[in-house]
C-alpha cells in the first residue's frame, strides 16, 4: 500500500479484525512523535489503526523485495517461505478466542514506558 492509499484509508470506515493477543513495543522517540502527529491529523482513527496500517504498508514492500527461490538454492528468506509462515500465523491468530473487530476500545491502548 502506498502512502497515498493510507491517507484514503484513514478517511474511510475500518473493518479490520484485531488479534486477541496484544503486542507491546517501545518506539524510537522520533517515530512515536510522527505517529502522534498522524493521530492528531486523523482523529477518527485510533493509534492501533494507524500503526497497523503503517506496518501493513511496510510489510507489503518488504514482501515484494524478498527474493524468490532460484533453482535448488534455499536462502531461508525467500518470499514463498514468508507467505507460508504468514498464512500459518494468520490461521493461528484467527483461531484465538477473544478476537474482535476493531473498535474504539483500542484508544485505551497504553504504551509501555
Protein backbone atom coordinates (compact mmCIF):
# COMPACT_ATOMS: atom_id res chain seq x y z
CA UNK A 1 0.00 0.00 0.00
CA UNK A 2 1.38 3.38 -0.97
CA UNK A 3 1.30 6.28 1.50
CA UNK A 4 -1.33 7.97 -0.67
CA UNK A 5 -3.53 4.88 -0.19
CA UNK A 6 -3.06 5.11 3.58
CA UNK A 7 -4.44 8.64 3.61
CA UNK A 8 -7.52 7.46 1.72
CA UNK A 9 -7.95 4.51 4.08
CA UNK A 10 -7.76 6.78 7.11
CA UNK A 11 -10.77 8.71 5.83
CA UNK A 12 -12.82 5.52 5.37
CA UNK A 13 -14.56 3.29 7.94
CA UNK A 14 -12.43 0.46 9.29
CA UNK A 15 -13.43 -3.19 9.28
CA UNK A 16 -10.09 -4.69 10.34
CA UNK A 17 -10.02 -7.75 12.55
CA UNK A 18 -7.83 -7.46 15.62
CA UNK A 19 -5.90 -10.27 17.26
CA UNK A 20 -6.86 -11.31 20.76
CA UNK A 21 -3.16 -11.07 21.60
CA UNK A 22 -1.81 -7.62 22.43
CA UNK A 23 1.62 -6.60 21.22
CA UNK A 24 3.52 -4.05 23.28
CA UNK A 25 6.53 -2.28 21.82
CA UNK A 26 8.73 0.68 22.64
CA UNK A 27 9.38 3.07 19.78
CA UNK A 28 12.20 5.45 18.99
CA UNK A 29 11.17 8.95 20.08
CA UNK A 30 11.14 10.35 16.53
CA UNK A 31 8.85 7.53 15.36
CA UNK A 32 6.47 7.98 18.31
CA UNK A 33 6.31 11.73 17.57
CA UNK A 34 5.35 11.10 13.94
CA UNK A 35 2.69 8.58 14.95
CA UNK A 36 1.29 11.07 17.47
CA UNK A 37 1.17 13.70 14.71
CA UNK A 38 -0.74 11.32 12.43
CA UNK A 39 -3.15 10.50 15.27
CA UNK A 40 -3.88 14.20 15.68
CA UNK A 41 -4.32 14.69 11.94
CA UNK A 42 -6.69 11.69 11.67
CA UNK A 43 -8.68 11.78 14.93
CA UNK A 44 -11.26 9.26 13.70
CA UNK A 45 -8.53 6.61 13.54
CA UNK A 46 -7.09 5.02 16.64
CA UNK A 47 -3.38 4.70 17.28
CA UNK A 48 -3.82 0.98 16.70
CA UNK A 49 -5.38 1.66 13.29
CA UNK A 50 -2.58 3.97 12.23
CA UNK A 51 0.27 1.77 13.46
CA UNK A 52 -1.37 -1.31 11.92
CA UNK A 53 -1.79 0.44 8.56
CA UNK A 54 1.79 1.70 8.58
CA UNK A 55 3.12 -1.77 9.39
CA UNK A 56 0.90 -3.34 6.75
CA UNK A 57 2.18 -0.92 4.13
CA UNK A 58 5.81 -1.61 5.08
CA UNK A 59 5.26 -5.37 5.07
CA UNK A 60 3.82 -5.27 1.54
CA UNK A 61 7.03 -3.58 0.40
CA UNK A 62 9.22 -6.00 2.36
CA UNK A 63 7.40 -8.99 0.86
CA UNK A 64 7.79 -7.59 -2.65
CA UNK A 65 11.53 -7.21 -2.05
CA UNK A 66 12.10 -10.72 -0.76
CA UNK A 67 13.87 -12.97 -3.24
CA UNK A 68 12.19 -15.97 -4.76
CA UNK A 69 13.79 -19.39 -4.71
CA UNK A 70 16.00 -19.78 -7.74
CA UNK A 71 16.89 -23.28 -8.84
CA UNK A 72 17.65 -25.63 -5.99
CA UNK A 73 19.02 -22.95 -3.65
CA UNK A 74 17.06 -22.23 -0.49
CA UNK A 75 18.05 -18.99 1.18
CA UNK A 76 15.71 -19.10 4.18
CA UNK A 77 14.49 -15.57 3.48
CA UNK A 78 12.50 -16.18 0.36
CA UNK A 79 9.03 -14.87 -0.50
CA UNK A 80 7.43 -18.33 -0.61
CA UNK A 81 8.62 -19.15 2.91
CA UNK A 82 7.43 -15.77 4.15
CA UNK A 83 3.96 -16.29 2.67
CA UNK A 84 3.73 -19.81 4.12
CA UNK A 85 4.71 -18.62 7.59
CA UNK A 86 2.38 -15.62 7.39
CA UNK A 87 -0.52 -17.90 6.40
CA UNK A 88 0.24 -20.19 9.34
CA UNK A 89 0.21 -17.30 11.79
CA UNK A 90 -2.94 -15.87 10.20
CA UNK A 91 -4.72 -19.16 10.90
CA UNK A 92 -3.28 -19.30 14.41
CA UNK A 93 -4.22 -15.72 15.32
CA UNK A 94 -7.61 -16.02 13.64
CA UNK A 95 -8.48 -19.04 15.76
CA UNK A 96 -7.64 -17.36 19.08
CA UNK A 97 -10.62 -16.85 21.36
CA UNK A 98 -11.49 -13.25 22.10
CA UNK A 99 -10.56 -11.92 18.66
CA UNK A 100 -12.64 -8.87 17.92
CA UNK A 101 -13.43 -6.38 15.24
CA UNK A 102 -11.54 -3.11 15.58
CA UNK A 103 -13.28 -0.78 17.99
CA UNK A 104 -12.83 2.46 19.85
CA UNK A 105 -11.65 0.40 22.84
CA UNK A 106 -8.25 0.39 21.18
CA UNK A 107 -8.00 4.10 22.07
CA UNK A 108 -7.33 2.98 25.62
CA UNK A 109 -4.07 1.37 24.48
CA UNK A 110 -1.27 2.39 26.82
CA UNK A 111 2.31 2.44 25.64
CA UNK A 112 4.85 0.76 27.85
CA UNK A 113 7.40 3.05 29.38
